[in-house]
Amino acid sequence: LYATEWCGYCKLTRRFLDQKGIPYKAFDIEKDAEARKAYEALGGGGIPIIDVNGTLIRGYDPDAILAALK
């Protein structure tokens, strides 16, 4: 999960993953230079970006997250 602390959609995404018990790693693209590079390598263009087993999901999209986990 590439995100920031202040992003509302990032917060919704973290809450969704926590409520569903889905493990994830969060990378703060403002505080972590390596995370920022990885985020830009994925095309950047907005947050959050979630990499689910190689499937990129941009924005808050619970249905896409669940579909990518199947």
Protein backbone atom coordinates (compact mmCIF):
# COMPACT_ATOMS: atom_id res chain seq x y z
CA LEU A 1 0.00 0.00 0.00
CA TYR A 2 1.63 3.22 -1.18
CA ALA A 3 0.01 6.07 0.72
CA THR A 4 0.40 9.12 2.96
CA GLU A 5 -0.84 9.85 6.47
CA TRP A 6 -3.15 12.71 5.46
CA CYS A 7 -4.91 11.04 2.50
CA GLY A 8 -8.56 10.25 3.24
CA TYR A 9 -8.77 7.42 0.69
CA CYS A 10 -5.58 5.95 2.11
CA LYS A 11 -7.19 5.93 5.57
CA LEU A 12 -10.31 4.24 4.16
CA THR A 13 -8.14 1.63 2.47
CA ARG A 14 -6.16 0.89 5.66
CA ARG A 15 -9.41 0.63 7.65
CA PHE A 16 -10.93 -1.74 5.07
CA LEU A 17 -7.85 -4.00 5.06
CA ASP A 18 -7.74 -4.01 8.88
CA GLN A 19 -11.46 -4.81 9.20
CA LYS A 20 -11.16 -7.70 6.74
CA GLY A 21 -8.02 -9.00 8.46
CA ILE A 22 -6.02 -8.65 5.25
CA PRO A 23 -2.29 -8.33 5.98
CA TYR A 24 -0.46 -5.55 4.16
CA LYS A 25 2.66 -3.43 4.20
CA ALA A 26 2.17 0.33 4.15
CA PHE A 27 4.75 2.61 2.57
CA ASP A 28 4.55 6.35 3.26
CA ILE A 29 5.67 7.96 0.02
CA GLU A 30 6.35 11.29 1.74
CA LYS A 31 8.58 9.95 4.51
CA ASP A 32 10.34 7.06 2.76
CA ALA A 33 12.52 7.88 -0.27
CA GLU A 34 12.70 4.24 -1.38
CA ALA A 35 8.91 3.96 -1.19
CA ARG A 36 8.63 7.15 -3.26
CA LYS A 37 10.89 5.65 -5.94
CA ALA A 38 8.86 2.43 -6.01
CA TYR A 39 5.62 4.43 -6.20
CA GLU A 40 6.95 6.47 -9.13
CA ALA A 41 8.14 3.27 -10.84
CA LEU A 42 4.53 2.04 -10.69
CA GLY A 43 3.44 5.16 -12.52
CA GLY A 44 2.50 7.35 -9.56
CA GLY A 45 -0.47 9.51 -10.45
CA GLY A 46 -2.39 9.45 -7.21
CA ILE A 47 -2.76 7.62 -3.96
CA PRO A 48 -3.37 5.11 -2.67
CA ILE A 49 -1.82 2.53 -4.96
CA ILE A 50 -2.12 -1.05 -3.80
CA ASP A 51 -0.12 -3.90 -5.30
CA VAL A 52 -2.10 -7.11 -4.72
CA ASN A 53 0.02 -10.00 -5.97
CA GLY A 54 1.07 -7.95 -9.00
CA THR A 55 -2.36 -6.41 -9.67
CA LEU A 56 -2.24 -2.63 -9.26
CA ILE A 57 -5.30 -0.98 -7.76
CA ARG A 58 -5.44 2.80 -7.81
CA GLY A 59 -7.64 4.62 -5.34
CA TYR A 60 -10.04 3.21 -2.77
CA ASP A 61 -11.69 0.19 -4.39
CA PRO A 62 -12.68 -2.56 -1.92
CA ASP A 63 -14.28 -4.73 -4.63
CA ALA A 64 -11.11 -4.67 -6.73
CA ILE A 65 -9.01 -5.54 -3.67
CA LEU A 66 -11.19 -8.55 -2.86
CA ALA A 67 -11.25 -9.65 -6.53
CA ALA A 68 -7.44 -9.43 -6.75
CA LEU A 69 -7.07 -11.58 -3.61
CA LYS A 70 -9.09 -14.48 -5.10
